[in-house]
Amino acid sequence: MKTHKFTLIIAGVRELTAELADTLYEATHGDIELNMRDGVAYLDFQRTAATLRDAVTSAIRDVESAGAGVRVVRVESETANTIAKINAQLLGTATN
């Protein structure tokens, strides 16, 4: 098992409240940090799983079933970004 770091961008959050933070913390087993920047709420995760895919899919399931009225709209991961950049370089389509 490996600890994977990634971010889930979530919709349905107007403001960060203690109730929302507690609900999501409990639903995700405490491996999150809830933040908001420029009106966009997001969860930074450090989740242990066999693969990044397993970590992300279980995190999405936990967040969306928490009963907090939030929905995951995007996933960000430095690992995935690095792989995408390498693939672009291999294909000769990289801009930098």
PDB file of N, CA and C in Angstrom:
ATOM      1  N   MET A   1       0.839  -1.183   0.000  1.00  0.00           N
ATOM      2  CA  MET A   1       0.000   0.000   0.000  1.00  0.00           C
ATOM      3  C   MET A   1       0.884   1.246   0.000  1.00  0.00           C
ATOM      4  N   LYS A   2       0.371   2.273  -0.649  1.00  0.00           N
ATOM      5  CA  LYS A   2       1.095   3.527  -0.790  1.00  0.00           C
ATOM      6  C   LYS A   2       0.169   4.679  -0.419  1.00  0.00           C
ATOM      7  N   THR A   3       0.715   5.743   0.119  1.00  0.00           N
ATOM      8  CA  THR A   3      -0.067   6.932   0.415  1.00  0.00           C
ATOM      9  C   THR A   3      -0.056   7.841  -0.809  1.00  0.00           C
ATOM     10  N   HIS A   4      -1.245   8.154  -1.301  1.00  0.00           N
ATOM     11  CA  HIS A   4      -1.417   8.970  -2.496  1.00  0.00           C
ATOM     12  C   HIS A   4      -1.917  10.353  -2.088  1.00  0.00           C
ATOM     13  N   LYS A   5      -1.361  11.381  -2.719  1.00  0.00           N
ATOM     14  CA  LYS A   5      -1.778  12.756  -2.467  1.00  0.00           C
ATOM     15  C   LYS A   5      -2.511  13.265  -3.695  1.00  0.00           C
ATOM     16  N   PHE A   6      -3.682  13.847  -3.460  1.00  0.00           N
ATOM     17  CA  PHE A   6      -4.483  14.392  -4.553  1.00  0.00           C
ATOM     18  C   PHE A   6      -5.496  15.358  -3.974  1.00  0.00           C
ATOM     19  N   THR A   7      -6.158  16.088  -4.858  1.00  0.00           N
ATOM     20  CA  THR A   7      -7.134  17.089  -4.463  1.00  0.00           C
ATOM     21  C   THR A   7      -8.442  16.833  -5.179  1.00  0.00           C
ATOM     22  N   LEU A   8      -9.542  16.917  -4.442  1.00  0.00           N
ATOM     23  CA  LEU A   8     -10.872  16.844  -5.026  1.00  0.00           C
ATOM     24  C   LEU A   8     -11.494  18.233  -4.962  1.00  0.00           C
ATOM     25  N   ILE A   9     -11.893  18.754  -6.110  1.00  0.00           N
ATOM     26  CA  ILE A   9     -12.612  20.023  -6.172  1.00  0.00           C
ATOM     27  C   ILE A   9     -14.083  19.681  -6.000  1.00  0.00           C
ATOM     28  N   ILE A  10     -14.754  20.382  -5.076  1.00  0.00           N
ATOM     29  CA  ILE A  10     -16.146  20.027  -4.778  1.00  0.00           C
ATOM     30  C   ILE A  10     -17.087  21.205  -5.029  1.00  0.00           C
ATOM     31  N   ALA A  11     -18.307  20.862  -5.438  1.00  0.00           N
ATOM     32  CA  ALA A  11     -19.366  21.850  -5.656  1.00  0.00           C
ATOM     33  C   ALA A  11     -20.414  21.660  -4.568  1.00  0.00           C
ATOM     34  N   GLY A  12     -21.198  22.710  -4.346  1.00  0.00           N
ATOM     35  CA  GLY A  12     -22.256  22.654  -3.345  1.00  0.00           C
ATOM     36  C   GLY A  12     -21.862  23.261  -2.018  1.00  0.00           C
ATOM     37  N   VAL A  13     -20.753  23.993  -2.005  1.00  0.00           N
ATOM     38  CA  VAL A  13     -20.263  24.616  -0.766  1.00  0.00           C
ATOM     39  C   VAL A  13     -20.242  26.126  -0.967  1.00  0.00           C
ATOM     40  N   ARG A  14     -21.016  26.830  -0.162  1.00  0.00           N
ATOM     41  CA  ARG A  14     -21.013  28.300  -0.214  1.00  0.00           C
ATOM     42  C   ARG A  14     -20.016  28.887   0.763  1.00  0.00           C
ATOM     43  N   GLU A  15     -19.868  28.207   1.901  1.00  0.00           N
ATOM     44  CA  GLU A  15     -18.908  28.643   2.909  1.00  0.00           C
ATOM     45  C   GLU A  15     -18.458  27.440   3.713  1.00  0.00           C
ATOM     46  N   LEU A  16     -17.277  27.558   4.286  1.00  0.00           N
ATOM     47  CA  LEU A  16     -16.760  26.486   5.126  1.00  0.00           C
ATOM     48  C   LEU A  16     -17.327  26.652   6.529  1.00  0.00           C
ATOM     49  N   THR A  17     -17.968  25.609   7.011  1.00  0.00           N
ATOM     50  CA  THR A  17     -18.531  25.628   8.358  1.00  0.00           C
ATOM     51  C   THR A  17     -17.944  24.478   9.158  1.00  0.00           C
ATOM     52  N   ALA A  18     -18.015  24.598  10.464  1.00  0.00           N
ATOM     53  CA  ALA A  18     -17.536  23.523  11.326  1.00  0.00           C
ATOM     54  C   ALA A  18     -18.343  22.245  11.085  1.00  0.00           C
ATOM     55  N   GLU A  19     -19.644  22.387  10.849  1.00  0.00           N
ATOM     56  CA  GLU A  19     -20.494  21.218  10.598  1.00  0.00           C
ATOM     57  C   GLU A  19     -20.070  20.491   9.321  1.00  0.00           C
ATOM     58  N   LEU A  20     -19.820  21.238   8.252  1.00  0.00           N
ATOM     59  CA  LEU A  20     -19.375  20.633   7.003  1.00  0.00           C
ATOM     60  C   LEU A  20     -18.027  19.947   7.195  1.00  0.00           C
ATOM     61  N   ALA A  21     -17.110  20.635   7.843  1.00  0.00           N
ATOM     62  CA  ALA A  21     -15.784  20.061   8.079  1.00  0.00           C
ATOM     63  C   ALA A  21     -15.874  18.774   8.882  1.00  0.00           C
ATOM     64  N   ASP A  22     -16.683  18.771   9.933  1.00  0.00           N
ATOM     65  CA  ASP A  22     -16.839  17.575  10.758  1.00  0.00           C
ATOM     66  C   ASP A  22     -17.455  16.423   9.966  1.00  0.00           C
ATOM     67  N   THR A  23     -18.481  16.724   9.171  1.00  0.00           N
ATOM     68  CA  THR A  23     -19.157  15.698   8.380  1.00  0.00           C
ATOM     69  C   THR A  23     -18.194  15.060   7.384  1.00  0.00           C
ATOM     70  N   LEU A  24     -17.445  15.888   6.654  1.00  0.00           N
ATOM     71  CA  LEU A  24     -16.519  15.358   5.660  1.00  0.00           C
ATOM     72  C   LEU A  24     -15.330  14.656   6.310  1.00  0.00           C
ATOM     73  N   TYR A  25     -14.860  15.171   7.423  1.00  0.00           N
ATOM     74  CA  TYR A  25     -13.759  14.534   8.142  1.00  0.00           C
ATOM     75  C   TYR A  25     -14.156  13.124   8.578  1.00  0.00           C
ATOM     76  N   GLU A  26     -15.341  13.007   9.129  1.00  0.00           N
ATOM     77  CA  GLU A  26     -15.820  11.702   9.582  1.00  0.00           C
ATOM     78  C   GLU A  26     -16.029  10.754   8.405  1.00  0.00           C
ATOM     79  N   ALA A  27     -16.630  11.242   7.337  1.00  0.00           N
ATOM     80  CA  ALA A  27     -16.934  10.392   6.177  1.00  0.00           C
ATOM     81  C   ALA A  27     -15.673   9.903   5.476  1.00  0.00           C
ATOM     82  N   THR A  28     -14.612  10.700   5.530  1.00  0.00           N
ATOM     83  CA  THR A  28     -13.378  10.345   4.830  1.00  0.00           C
ATOM     84  C   THR A  28     -12.330   9.729   5.756  1.00  0.00           C
ATOM     85  N   HIS A  29     -12.698   9.445   6.967  1.00  0.00           N
ATOM     86  CA  HIS A  29     -11.802   8.812   7.946  1.00  0.00           C
ATOM     87  C   HIS A  29     -10.617   9.698   8.305  1.00  0.00           C
ATOM     88  N   GLY A  30     -10.796  11.012   8.125  1.00  0.00           N
ATOM     89  CA  GLY A  30      -9.808  11.962   8.606  1.00  0.00           C
ATOM     90  C   GLY A  30      -8.590  12.187   7.736  1.00  0.00           C
ATOM     91  N   ASP A  31      -8.605  11.713   6.501  1.00  0.00           N
ATOM     92  CA  ASP A  31      -7.407  11.909   5.682  1.00  0.00           C
ATOM     93  C   ASP A  31      -7.547  13.101   4.730  1.00  0.00           C
ATOM     94  N   ILE A  32      -8.230  14.161   5.199  1.00  0.00           N
ATOM     95  CA  ILE A  32      -8.475  15.351   4.371  1.00  0.00           C
ATOM     96  C   ILE A  32      -8.070  16.631   5.064  1.00  0.00           C
ATOM     97  N   GLU A  33      -7.945  17.653   4.239  1.00  0.00           N
ATOM     98  CA  GLU A  33      -7.890  19.031   4.714  1.00  0.00           C
ATOM     99  C   GLU A  33      -8.853  19.806   3.825  1.00  0.00           C
ATOM    100  N   LEU A  34      -9.869  20.401   4.414  1.00  0.00           N
ATOM    101  CA  LEU A  34     -10.894  21.150   3.690  1.00  0.00           C
ATOM    102  C   LEU A  34     -10.458  22.604   3.573  1.00  0.00           C
ATOM    103  N   ASN A  35     -10.510  23.143   2.346  1.00  0.00           N
ATOM    104  CA  ASN A  35     -10.088  24.517   2.089  1.00  0.00           C
ATOM    105  C   ASN A  35     -11.019  25.165   1.085  1.00  0.00           C
ATOM    106  N   MET A  36     -10.907  26.489   0.970  1.00  0.00           N
ATOM    107  CA  MET A  36     -11.637  27.231  -0.049  1.00  0.00           C
ATOM    108  C   MET A  36     -10.735  28.366  -0.532  1.00  0.00           C
ATOM    109  N   ARG A  37     -10.700  28.519  -1.864  1.00  0.00           N
ATOM    110  CA  ARG A  37      -9.920  29.598  -2.452  1.00  0.00           C
ATOM    111  C   ARG A  37     -10.736  30.213  -3.576  1.00  0.00           C
ATOM    112  N   ASP A  38     -10.902  31.514  -3.533  1.00  0.00           N
ATOM    113  CA  ASP A  38     -11.659  32.243  -4.560  1.00  0.00           C
ATOM    114  C   ASP A  38     -13.052  31.642  -4.778  1.00  0.00           C
ATOM    115  N   GLY A  39     -13.689  31.231  -3.689  1.00  0.00           N
ATOM    116  CA  GLY A  39     -15.043  30.692  -3.759  1.00  0.00           C
ATOM    117  C   GLY A  39     -15.141  29.240  -4.196  1.00  0.00           C
ATOM    118  N   VAL A  40     -13.992  28.578  -4.371  1.00  0.00           N
ATOM    119  CA  VAL A  40     -13.975  27.175  -4.798  1.00  0.00           C
ATOM    120  C   VAL A  40     -13.495  26.311  -3.632  1.00  0.00           C
ATOM    121  N   ALA A  41     -14.355  25.370  -3.224  1.00  0.00           N
ATOM    122  CA  ALA A  41     -14.003  24.476  -2.113  1.00  0.00           C
ATOM    123  C   ALA A  41     -13.257  23.264  -2.649  1.00  0.00           C
ATOM    124  N   TYR A  42     -12.282  22.808  -1.869  1.00  0.00           N
ATOM    125  CA  TYR A  42     -11.530  21.623  -2.271  1.00  0.00           C
ATOM    126  C   TYR A  42     -11.046  20.860  -1.044  1.00  0.00           C
ATOM    127  N   LEU A  43     -10.781  19.589  -1.280  1.00  0.00           N
ATOM    128  CA  LEU A  43     -10.295  18.698  -0.240  1.00  0.00           C
ATOM    129  C   LEU A  43      -8.933  18.166  -0.646  1.00  0.00           C
ATOM    130  N   ASP A  44      -7.920  18.432   0.158  1.00  0.00           N
ATOM    131  CA  ASP A  44      -6.612  17.822  -0.054  1.00  0.00           C
ATOM    132  C   ASP A  44      -6.606  16.490   0.673  1.00  0.00           C
ATOM    133  N   PHE A  45      -6.265  15.442  -0.040  1.00  0.00           N
ATOM    134  CA  PHE A  45      -6.262  14.087   0.511  1.00  0.00           C
ATOM    135  C   PHE A  45      -4.862  13.531   0.611  1.00  0.00           C
ATOM    136  N   GLN A  46      -4.669  12.693   1.608  1.00  0.00           N
ATOM    137  CA  GLN A  46      -3.541  11.780   1.718  1.00  0.00           C
ATOM    138  C   GLN A  46      -4.174  10.445   2.078  1.00  0.00           C
ATOM    139  N   ARG A  47      -4.364   9.600   1.077  1.00  0.00           N
ATOM    140  CA  ARG A  47      -5.100   8.359   1.281  1.00  0.00           C
ATOM    141  C   ARG A  47      -4.230   7.168   0.904  1.00  0.00           C
ATOM    142  N   THR A  48      -4.229   6.165   1.771  1.00  0.00           N
ATOM    143  CA  THR A  48      -3.480   4.949   1.527  1.00  0.00           C
ATOM    144  C   THR A  48      -4.341   3.964   0.752  1.00  0.00           C
ATOM    145  N   ALA A  49      -3.784   3.480  -0.357  1.00  0.00           N
ATOM    146  CA  ALA A  49      -4.475   2.506  -1.201  1.00  0.00           C
ATOM    147  C   ALA A  49      -3.443   1.855  -2.105  1.00  0.00           C
ATOM    148  N   ALA A  50      -3.839   0.772  -2.752  1.00  0.00           N
ATOM    149  CA  ALA A  50      -2.931   0.059  -3.649  1.00  0.00           C
ATOM    150  C   ALA A  50      -2.551   0.902  -4.857  1.00  0.00           C
ATOM    151  N   THR A  51      -3.505   1.663  -5.393  1.00  0.00           N
ATOM    152  CA  THR A  51      -3.247   2.489  -6.572  1.00  0.00           C
ATOM    153  C   THR A  51      -3.862   3.874  -6.380  1.00  0.00           C
ATOM    154  N   LEU A  52      -3.406   4.818  -7.188  1.00  0.00           N
ATOM    155  CA  LEU A  52      -3.993   6.157  -7.162  1.00  0.00           C
ATOM    156  C   LEU A  52      -5.472   6.075  -7.523  1.00  0.00           C
ATOM    157  N   ARG A  53      -5.806   5.262  -8.504  1.00  0.00           N
ATOM    158  CA  ARG A  53      -7.210   5.102  -8.911  1.00  0.00           C
ATOM    159  C   ARG A  53      -8.073   4.626  -7.737  1.00  0.00           C
ATOM    160  N   ASP A  54      -7.592   3.628  -7.013  1.00  0.00           N
ATOM    161  CA  ASP A  54      -8.341   3.127  -5.849  1.00  0.00           C
ATOM    162  C   ASP A  54      -8.515   4.220  -4.801  1.00  0.00           C
ATOM    163  N   ALA A  55      -7.460   4.991  -4.561  1.00  0.00           N
ATOM    164  CA  ALA A  55      -7.523   6.055  -3.566  1.00  0.00           C
ATOM    165  C   ALA A  55      -8.547   7.113  -3.968  1.00  0.00           C
ATOM    166  N   VAL A  56      -8.510   7.530  -5.232  1.00  0.00           N
ATOM    167  CA  VAL A  56      -9.398   8.584  -5.705  1.00  0.00           C
ATOM    168  C   VAL A  56     -10.849   8.106  -5.730  1.00  0.00           C
ATOM    169  N   THR A  57     -11.098   6.916  -6.260  1.00  0.00           N
ATOM    170  CA  THR A  57     -12.487   6.449  -6.346  1.00  0.00           C
ATOM    171  C   THR A  57     -13.099   6.239  -4.962  1.00  0.00           C
ATOM    172  N   SER A  58     -12.321   5.755  -4.014  1.00  0.00           N
ATOM    173  CA  SER A  58     -12.872   5.583  -2.664  1.00  0.00           C
ATOM    174  C   SER A  58     -13.114   6.934  -2.005  1.00  0.00           C
ATOM    175  N   ALA A  59     -12.245   7.907  -2.272  1.00  0.00           N
ATOM    176  CA  ALA A  59     -12.427   9.249  -1.715  1.00  0.00           C
ATOM    177  C   ALA A  59     -13.685   9.905  -2.277  1.00  0.00           C
ATOM    178  N   ILE A  60     -13.888   9.793  -3.587  1.00  0.00           N
ATOM    179  CA  ILE A  60     -15.094  10.364  -4.198  1.00  0.00           C
ATOM    180  C   ILE A  60     -16.339   9.728  -3.600  1.00  0.00           C
ATOM    181  N   ARG A  61     -16.328   8.421  -3.477  1.00  0.00           N
ATOM    182  CA  ARG A  61     -17.468   7.708  -2.887  1.00  0.00           C
ATOM    183  C   ARG A  61     -17.738   8.204  -1.464  1.00  0.00           C
ATOM    184  N   ASP A  62     -16.695   8.348  -0.666  1.00  0.00           N
ATOM    185  CA  ASP A  62     -16.859   8.810   0.724  1.00  0.00           C
ATOM    186  C   ASP A  62     -17.423  10.224   0.783  1.00  0.00           C
ATOM    187  N   VAL A  63     -16.892  11.110  -0.040  1.00  0.00           N
ATOM    188  CA  VAL A  63     -17.329  12.513  -0.029  1.00  0.00           C
ATOM    189  C   VAL A  63     -18.779  12.631  -0.479  1.00  0.00           C
ATOM    190  N   GLU A  64     -19.116  11.985  -1.577  1.00  0.00           N
ATOM    191  CA  GLU A  64     -20.460  12.142  -2.135  1.00  0.00           C
ATOM    192  C   GLU A  64     -21.533  11.407  -1.336  1.00  0.00           C
ATOM    193  N   SER A  65     -21.143  10.450  -0.521  1.00  0.00           N
ATOM    194  CA  SER A  65     -22.129   9.743   0.301  1.00  0.00           C
ATOM    195  C   SER A  65     -22.167  10.260   1.736  1.00  0.00           C
ATOM    196  N   ALA A  66     -21.476  11.359   2.008  1.00  0.00           N
ATOM    197  CA  ALA A  66     -21.385  11.901   3.366  1.00  0.00           C
ATOM    198  C   ALA A  66     -22.677  12.562   3.835  1.00  0.00           C
ATOM    199  N   GLY A  67     -23.576  12.858   2.902  1.00  0.00           N
ATOM    200  CA  GLY A  67     -24.810  13.541   3.278  1.00  0.00           C
ATOM    201  C   GLY A  67     -24.628  15.035   3.479  1.00  0.00           C
ATOM    202  N   ALA A  68     -23.549  15.585   2.934  1.00  0.00           N
ATOM    203  CA  ALA A  68     -23.261  17.004   3.101  1.00  0.00           C
ATOM    204  C   ALA A  68     -23.749  17.837   1.919  1.00  0.00           C
ATOM    205  N   GLY A  69     -24.303  17.185   0.908  1.00  0.00           N
ATOM    206  CA  GLY A  69     -24.810  17.910  -0.250  1.00  0.00           C
ATOM    207  C   GLY A  69     -23.729  18.412  -1.190  1.00  0.00           C
ATOM    208  N   VAL A  70     -22.561  17.796  -1.148  1.00  0.00           N
ATOM    209  CA  VAL A  70     -21.480  18.202  -2.046  1.00  0.00           C
ATOM    210  C   VAL A  70     -21.276  17.144  -3.125  1.00  0.00           C
ATOM    211  N   ARG A  71     -20.682  17.606  -4.232  1.00  0.00           N
ATOM    212  CA  ARG A  71     -20.407  16.724  -5.358  1.00  0.00           C
ATOM    213  C   ARG A  71     -18.996  17.012  -5.848  1.00  0.00           C
ATOM    214  N   VAL A  72     -18.267  15.964  -6.173  1.00  0.00           N
ATOM    215  CA  VAL A  72     -16.913  16.124  -6.713  1.00  0.00           C
ATOM    216  C   VAL A  72     -17.024  16.479  -8.192  1.00  0.00           C
ATOM    217  N   VAL A  73     -16.345  17.563  -8.589  1.00  0.00           N
ATOM    218  CA  VAL A  73     -16.406  18.008  -9.977  1.00  0.00           C
ATOM    219  C   VAL A  73     -15.072  17.881 -10.705  1.00  0.00           C
ATOM    220  N   ARG A  74     -13.977  17.690  -9.964  1.00  0.00           N
ATOM    221  CA  ARG A  74     -12.683  17.549 -10.604  1.00  0.00           C
ATOM    222  C   ARG A  74     -11.688  16.914  -9.641  1.00  0.00           C
ATOM    223  N   VAL A  75     -10.728  16.206 -10.213  1.00  0.00           N
ATOM    224  CA  VAL A  75      -9.648  15.591  -9.450  1.00  0.00           C
ATOM    225  C   VAL A  75      -8.335  16.180  -9.942  1.00  0.00           C
ATOM    226  N   GLU A  76      -7.473  16.542  -9.014  1.00  0.00           N
ATOM    227  CA  GLU A  76      -6.145  17.038  -9.365  1.00  0.00           C
ATOM    228  C   GLU A  76      -5.108  16.205  -8.627  1.00  0.00           C
ATOM    229  N   SER A  77      -4.033  15.872  -9.335  1.00  0.00           N
ATOM    230  CA  SER A  77      -2.966  15.081  -8.736  1.00  0.00           C
ATOM    231  C   SER A  77      -1.659  15.425  -9.418  1.00  0.00           C
ATOM    232  N   GLU A  78      -0.643  15.728  -8.648  1.00  0.00           N
ATOM    233  CA  GLU A  78       0.662  16.017  -9.222  1.00  0.00           C
ATOM    234  C   GLU A  78       1.190  14.799  -9.982  1.00  0.00           C
ATOM    235  N   THR A  79       0.919  13.610  -9.485  1.00  0.00           N
ATOM    236  CA  THR A  79       1.341  12.383 -10.166  1.00  0.00           C
ATOM    237  C   THR A  79       0.724  12.314 -11.558  1.00  0.00           C
ATOM    238  N   ALA A  80      -0.573  12.528 -11.643  1.00  0.00           N
ATOM    239  CA  ALA A  80      -1.252  12.478 -12.936  1.00  0.00           C
ATOM    240  C   ALA A  80      -0.764  13.592 -13.854  1.00  0.00           C
ATOM    241  N   ASN A  81      -0.529  14.769 -13.309  1.00  0.00           N
ATOM    242  CA  ASN A  81      -0.029  15.884 -14.112  1.00  0.00           C
ATOM    243  C   ASN A  81       1.352  15.573 -14.681  1.00  0.00           C
ATOM    244  N   THR A  82       2.204  14.955 -13.876  1.00  0.00           N
ATOM    245  CA  THR A  82       3.542  14.585 -14.329  1.00  0.00           C
ATOM    246  C   THR A  82       3.466  13.565 -15.455  1.00  0.00           C
ATOM    247  N   ILE A  83       2.608  12.567 -15.296  1.00  0.00           N
ATOM    248  CA  ILE A  83       2.450  11.543 -16.332  1.00  0.00           C
ATOM    249  C   ILE A  83       1.928  12.167 -17.622  1.00  0.00           C
ATOM    250  N   ALA A  84       0.968  13.054 -17.516  1.00  0.00           N
ATOM    251  CA  ALA A  84       0.427  13.725 -18.704  1.00  0.00           C
ATOM    252  C   ALA A  84       1.518  14.526 -19.417  1.00  0.00           C
ATOM    253  N   LYS A  85       2.373  15.199 -18.664  1.00  0.00           N
ATOM    254  CA  LYS A  85       3.464  15.976 -19.263  1.00  0.00           C
ATOM    255  C   LYS A  85       4.464  15.063 -19.980  1.00  0.00           C
ATOM    256  N   ILE A  86       4.798  13.949 -19.358  1.00  0.00           N
ATOM    257  CA  ILE A  86       5.729  12.998 -19.979  1.00  0.00           C
ATOM    258  C   ILE A  86       5.129  12.446 -21.269  1.00  0.00           C
ATOM    259  N   ASN A  87       3.851  12.079 -21.230  1.00  0.00           N
ATOM    260  CA  ASN A  87       3.194  11.571 -22.431  1.00  0.00           C
ATOM    261  C   ASN A  87       3.188  12.617 -23.540  1.00  0.00           C
ATOM    262  N   ALA A  88       2.928  13.872 -23.186  1.00  0.00           N
ATOM    263  CA  ALA A  88       2.930  14.941 -24.178  1.00  0.00           C
ATOM    264  C   ALA A  88       4.322  15.097 -24.791  1.00  0.00           C
ATOM    265  N   GLN A  89       5.358  14.971 -23.974  1.00  0.00           N
ATOM    266  CA  GLN A  89       6.725  15.058 -24.486  1.00  0.00           C
ATOM    267  C   GLN A  89       7.022  13.895 -25.426  1.00  0.00           C
ATOM    268  N   LEU A  90       6.576  12.702 -25.059  1.00  0.00           N
ATOM    269  CA  LEU A  90       6.805  11.530 -25.898  1.00  0.00           C
ATOM    270  C   LEU A  90       6.106  11.666 -27.251  1.00  0.00           C
ATOM    271  N   LEU A  91       4.939  12.305 -27.241  1.00  0.00           N
ATOM    272  CA  LEU A  91       4.169  12.486 -28.479  1.00  0.00           C
ATOM    273  C   LEU A  91       4.599  13.736 -29.256  1.00  0.00           C
ATOM    274  N   GLY A  92       5.484  14.530 -28.646  1.00  0.00           N
ATOM    275  CA  GLY A  92       5.941  15.738 -29.303  1.00  0.00           C
ATOM    276  C   GLY A  92       4.935  16.867 -29.278  1.00  0.00           C
ATOM    277  N   THR A  93       3.976  16.790 -28.329  1.00  0.00           N
ATOM    278  CA  THR A  93       2.949  17.826 -28.250  1.00  0.00           C
ATOM    279  C   THR A  93       3.115  18.726 -27.042  1.00  0.00           C
ATOM    280  N   ALA A  94       4.205  18.564 -26.309  1.00  0.00           N
ATOM    281  CA  ALA A  94       4.424  19.367 -25.101  1.00  0.00           C
ATOM    282  C   ALA A  94       4.717  20.803 -25.488  1.00  0.00           C
ATOM    283  N   THR A  95       4.165  21.734 -24.707  1.00  0.00           N
ATOM    284  CA  THR A  95       4.413  23.155 -24.944  1.00  0.00           C
ATOM    285  C   THR A  95       5.622  23.652 -24.167  1.00  0.00           C
ATOM    286  N   ASN A  96       6.053  22.866 -23.174  1.00  0.00           N
ATOM    287  CA  ASN A  96       7.224  23.265 -22.397  1.00  0.00           C
ATOM    288  C   ASN A  96       7.875  22.056 -21.815  1.00  0.00           C
TER     289      ASN A  96
END
